[in-house]
């Protein structure tokens, strides 16, 4: 997670920062790894292009942990340009 993505997601109505103990959700911080739905990731990608948001609004992708079916919606070059470098 990046700070920019967490802020973007919260502005879209998906608050991933605030802890929700009743759901056993601790809240996320920049640097956390989280399984993100493809729709939200694409939404962030499109917003960086349309609204000129910082590129870090699109969280890095752990390619080895990404389902191959994502390639039906996002080309490999785009995924590789957002690959997580550990």
N, C-alpha and C. Protein backbone atom coordinates (compact mmCIF):
# COMPACT_ATOMS: atom_id res chain seq x y z
N UNK A 1 0.83 -1.18 0.00
CA UNK A 1 0.00 0.00 0.00
C UNK A 1 0.88 1.25 0.00
N UNK A 2 0.39 2.24 -0.69
CA UNK A 2 1.04 3.55 -0.65
C UNK A 2 0.09 4.53 0.05
N UNK A 3 0.65 5.57 0.61
CA UNK A 3 -0.16 6.59 1.26
C UNK A 3 -1.15 7.19 0.26
N UNK A 4 -0.66 7.43 -0.97
CA UNK A 4 -1.51 8.02 -2.00
C UNK A 4 -2.68 7.11 -2.35
N UNK A 5 -2.42 5.80 -2.45
CA UNK A 5 -3.51 4.88 -2.76
C UNK A 5 -4.51 4.83 -1.61
N UNK A 6 -4.03 4.76 -0.39
CA UNK A 6 -4.94 4.69 0.76
C UNK A 6 -5.82 5.94 0.82
N UNK A 7 -5.26 7.09 0.53
CA UNK A 7 -6.05 8.33 0.50
C UNK A 7 -7.05 8.30 -0.65
N UNK A 8 -6.61 7.84 -1.81
CA UNK A 8 -7.50 7.72 -2.97
C UNK A 8 -8.66 6.78 -2.67
N UNK A 9 -8.35 5.63 -2.11
CA UNK A 9 -9.37 4.63 -1.82
C UNK A 9 -10.39 5.17 -0.81
N UNK A 10 -9.90 5.86 0.20
CA UNK A 10 -10.81 6.44 1.20
C UNK A 10 -11.72 7.48 0.55
N UNK A 11 -11.17 8.29 -0.34
CA UNK A 11 -11.97 9.30 -1.04
C UNK A 11 -13.04 8.65 -1.93
N UNK A 12 -12.79 7.40 -2.35
CA UNK A 12 -13.75 6.67 -3.18
C UNK A 12 -14.78 5.92 -2.33
N UNK A 13 -14.66 6.03 -1.00
CA UNK A 13 -15.62 5.39 -0.11
C UNK A 13 -15.16 4.05 0.44
N UNK A 14 -13.90 3.71 0.24
CA UNK A 14 -13.38 2.44 0.76
C UNK A 14 -12.23 2.75 1.72
N UNK A 15 -12.57 2.98 2.97
CA UNK A 15 -11.58 3.34 4.00
C UNK A 15 -10.84 2.10 4.46
N UNK A 16 -9.60 1.99 4.02
CA UNK A 16 -8.76 0.86 4.41
C UNK A 16 -7.81 1.21 5.56
N UNK A 17 -7.87 2.45 6.03
CA UNK A 17 -6.95 2.92 7.07
C UNK A 17 -7.51 2.74 8.47
N UNK A 18 -8.78 3.00 8.63
CA UNK A 18 -9.40 2.97 9.96
C UNK A 18 -9.56 1.53 10.45
N UNK A 19 -9.01 1.24 11.64
CA UNK A 19 -9.20 -0.10 12.21
C UNK A 19 -10.68 -0.39 12.46
N UNK A 20 -11.06 -1.64 12.23
CA UNK A 20 -12.44 -2.09 12.49
C UNK A 20 -12.35 -3.35 13.35
N UNK A 21 -12.13 -3.18 14.66
CA UNK A 21 -11.96 -4.33 15.55
C UNK A 21 -13.10 -5.33 15.48
N UNK A 22 -14.32 -4.84 15.26
CA UNK A 22 -15.48 -5.74 15.21
C UNK A 22 -15.40 -6.69 14.01
N UNK A 23 -14.58 -6.33 13.02
CA UNK A 23 -14.36 -7.19 11.84
C UNK A 23 -12.96 -7.80 11.85
N UNK A 24 -12.26 -7.60 12.97
CA UNK A 24 -10.88 -8.07 13.11
C UNK A 24 -9.98 -7.49 12.01
N UNK A 25 -10.25 -6.24 11.63
CA UNK A 25 -9.46 -5.54 10.62
C UNK A 25 -8.64 -4.46 11.30
N UNK A 26 -7.30 -4.58 11.24
CA UNK A 26 -6.44 -3.65 11.97
C UNK A 26 -6.26 -2.29 11.29
N UNK A 27 -6.70 -2.15 10.05
CA UNK A 27 -6.42 -0.94 9.28
C UNK A 27 -5.07 -1.09 8.60
N UNK A 28 -4.92 -0.48 7.45
CA UNK A 28 -3.68 -0.59 6.68
C UNK A 28 -2.86 0.69 6.78
N UNK A 29 -1.56 0.53 6.58
CA UNK A 29 -0.62 1.64 6.58
C UNK A 29 0.23 1.54 5.32
N UNK A 30 0.82 2.65 4.89
CA UNK A 30 1.74 2.58 3.75
C UNK A 30 2.81 1.51 4.01
N UNK A 31 3.09 0.72 3.00
CA UNK A 31 4.07 -0.35 3.12
C UNK A 31 3.46 -1.71 3.37
N UNK A 32 2.21 -1.75 3.85
CA UNK A 32 1.53 -3.03 4.06
C UNK A 32 1.25 -3.70 2.73
N UNK A 33 1.28 -5.04 2.73
CA UNK A 33 0.82 -5.81 1.57
C UNK A 33 -0.63 -6.18 1.81
N UNK A 34 -1.45 -6.08 0.75
CA UNK A 34 -2.87 -6.35 0.87
C UNK A 34 -3.35 -6.87 -0.47
N UNK A 35 -4.21 -7.85 -0.45
CA UNK A 35 -4.80 -8.38 -1.67
C UNK A 35 -5.87 -7.39 -2.12
N UNK A 36 -5.64 -6.77 -3.23
CA UNK A 36 -6.51 -5.71 -3.72
C UNK A 36 -7.34 -6.21 -4.88
N UNK A 37 -8.60 -5.82 -4.93
CA UNK A 37 -9.44 -6.24 -6.05
C UNK A 37 -9.00 -5.50 -7.31
N UNK A 38 -9.11 -6.18 -8.42
CA UNK A 38 -8.68 -5.64 -9.70
C UNK A 38 -9.41 -4.35 -10.05
N UNK A 39 -10.69 -4.29 -9.77
CA UNK A 39 -11.46 -3.09 -10.10
C UNK A 39 -10.92 -1.84 -9.45
N UNK A 40 -10.56 -1.92 -8.17
CA UNK A 40 -10.03 -0.74 -7.46
C UNK A 40 -8.65 -0.37 -8.01
N UNK A 41 -7.84 -1.39 -8.34
CA UNK A 41 -6.51 -1.12 -8.88
C UNK A 41 -6.64 -0.40 -10.23
N UNK A 42 -7.52 -0.88 -11.09
CA UNK A 42 -7.73 -0.24 -12.40
C UNK A 42 -8.28 1.18 -12.20
N UNK A 43 -9.17 1.34 -11.24
CA UNK A 43 -9.73 2.66 -10.94
C UNK A 43 -8.61 3.64 -10.57
N UNK A 44 -7.67 3.19 -9.76
CA UNK A 44 -6.53 4.04 -9.38
C UNK A 44 -5.65 4.33 -10.60
N UNK A 45 -5.43 3.32 -11.42
CA UNK A 45 -4.63 3.50 -12.63
C UNK A 45 -5.27 4.54 -13.55
N UNK A 46 -6.55 4.40 -13.79
CA UNK A 46 -7.25 5.34 -14.66
C UNK A 46 -7.26 6.76 -14.08
N UNK A 47 -7.37 6.87 -12.77
CA UNK A 47 -7.37 8.18 -12.12
C UNK A 47 -6.01 8.86 -12.26
N UNK A 48 -4.94 8.08 -12.20
CA UNK A 48 -3.61 8.70 -12.37
C UNK A 48 -3.48 9.30 -13.76
N UNK A 49 -4.12 8.66 -14.73
CA UNK A 49 -4.05 9.15 -16.11
C UNK A 49 -5.01 10.31 -16.35
N UNK A 50 -6.24 10.18 -15.90
CA UNK A 50 -7.26 11.19 -16.17
C UNK A 50 -7.13 12.43 -15.28
N UNK A 51 -6.79 12.21 -14.03
CA UNK A 51 -6.76 13.31 -13.07
C UNK A 51 -5.34 13.76 -12.75
N UNK A 52 -4.38 13.15 -13.41
CA UNK A 52 -2.96 13.48 -13.19
C UNK A 52 -2.56 13.35 -11.72
N UNK A 53 -3.03 12.28 -11.11
CA UNK A 53 -2.64 11.99 -9.73
C UNK A 53 -1.23 11.42 -9.73
N UNK A 54 -0.54 11.45 -8.60
CA UNK A 54 0.81 10.87 -8.54
C UNK A 54 0.79 9.40 -8.95
N UNK A 55 1.82 8.97 -9.64
CA UNK A 55 1.92 7.58 -10.09
C UNK A 55 1.84 6.61 -8.91
N UNK A 56 2.25 7.06 -7.73
CA UNK A 56 2.21 6.20 -6.54
C UNK A 56 0.78 5.98 -6.03
N UNK A 57 -0.20 6.59 -6.69
CA UNK A 57 -1.59 6.30 -6.36
C UNK A 57 -1.93 4.86 -6.73
N UNK A 58 -1.22 4.33 -7.73
CA UNK A 58 -1.41 2.94 -8.15
C UNK A 58 -0.45 2.09 -7.30
N UNK A 59 -0.97 1.22 -6.44
CA UNK A 59 -0.07 0.45 -5.59
C UNK A 59 0.74 -0.55 -6.40
N UNK A 60 1.95 -0.84 -5.94
CA UNK A 60 2.79 -1.81 -6.62
C UNK A 60 2.15 -3.20 -6.64
N UNK A 61 2.48 -3.95 -7.68
CA UNK A 61 1.92 -5.29 -7.87
C UNK A 61 2.99 -6.34 -7.62
N UNK A 62 2.69 -7.32 -6.79
CA UNK A 62 3.57 -8.47 -6.60
C UNK A 62 3.18 -9.45 -7.70
N UNK A 63 3.94 -9.46 -8.78
CA UNK A 63 3.56 -10.24 -9.96
C UNK A 63 3.39 -11.72 -9.64
N UNK A 64 4.26 -12.26 -8.81
CA UNK A 64 4.19 -13.69 -8.47
C UNK A 64 2.92 -14.05 -7.71
N UNK A 65 2.28 -13.06 -7.10
CA UNK A 65 1.08 -13.30 -6.32
C UNK A 65 -0.19 -12.86 -7.06
N UNK A 66 -0.03 -12.50 -8.33
CA UNK A 66 -1.14 -11.98 -9.11
C UNK A 66 -1.71 -13.08 -10.00
N UNK A 67 -3.01 -13.23 -9.97
CA UNK A 67 -3.66 -14.26 -10.77
C UNK A 67 -3.51 -13.94 -12.26
N UNK A 68 -3.23 -14.95 -13.04
CA UNK A 68 -3.03 -14.81 -14.48
C UNK A 68 -4.25 -14.21 -15.18
N UNK A 69 -5.43 -14.42 -14.63
CA UNK A 69 -6.65 -13.89 -15.23
C UNK A 69 -6.66 -12.36 -15.29
N UNK A 70 -5.83 -11.71 -14.50
CA UNK A 70 -5.73 -10.25 -14.54
C UNK A 70 -5.33 -9.79 -15.94
N UNK A 71 -4.60 -10.63 -16.65
CA UNK A 71 -4.15 -10.27 -18.00
C UNK A 71 -5.31 -10.10 -18.98
N UNK A 72 -6.50 -10.56 -18.61
CA UNK A 72 -7.68 -10.32 -19.43
C UNK A 72 -8.11 -8.86 -19.37
N UNK A 73 -7.65 -8.14 -18.34
CA UNK A 73 -8.07 -6.74 -18.13
C UNK A 73 -6.93 -5.74 -18.18
N UNK A 74 -5.72 -6.20 -17.88
CA UNK A 74 -4.55 -5.32 -17.83
C UNK A 74 -3.42 -5.98 -18.59
N UNK A 75 -2.78 -5.22 -19.48
CA UNK A 75 -1.69 -5.83 -20.24
C UNK A 75 -0.44 -6.01 -19.37
N UNK A 76 0.36 -6.98 -19.74
CA UNK A 76 1.54 -7.33 -18.96
C UNK A 76 2.50 -6.16 -18.81
N UNK A 77 2.65 -5.37 -19.84
CA UNK A 77 3.56 -4.23 -19.77
C UNK A 77 3.15 -3.25 -18.67
N UNK A 78 1.85 -3.02 -18.54
CA UNK A 78 1.36 -2.12 -17.49
C UNK A 78 1.62 -2.72 -16.12
N UNK A 79 1.35 -4.02 -15.97
CA UNK A 79 1.62 -4.67 -14.69
C UNK A 79 3.11 -4.60 -14.35
N UNK A 80 3.94 -4.88 -15.33
CA UNK A 80 5.39 -4.86 -15.09
C UNK A 80 5.87 -3.46 -14.72
N UNK A 81 5.23 -2.44 -15.29
CA UNK A 81 5.66 -1.07 -14.96
C UNK A 81 5.26 -0.69 -13.53
N UNK A 82 4.37 -1.48 -12.92
CA UNK A 82 3.96 -1.25 -11.53
C UNK A 82 4.39 -2.39 -10.62
N UNK A 83 5.36 -3.16 -11.07
CA UNK A 83 5.81 -4.32 -10.29
C UNK A 83 6.50 -3.88 -9.00
N UNK A 84 6.25 -4.62 -7.97
CA UNK A 84 6.88 -4.40 -6.66
C UNK A 84 8.33 -4.87 -6.73
N UNK A 85 9.25 -4.01 -6.33
CA UNK A 85 10.66 -4.36 -6.27
C UNK A 85 11.05 -4.54 -4.81
N UNK A 86 11.22 -5.79 -4.42
CA UNK A 86 11.59 -6.06 -3.02
C UNK A 86 13.09 -6.10 -2.85
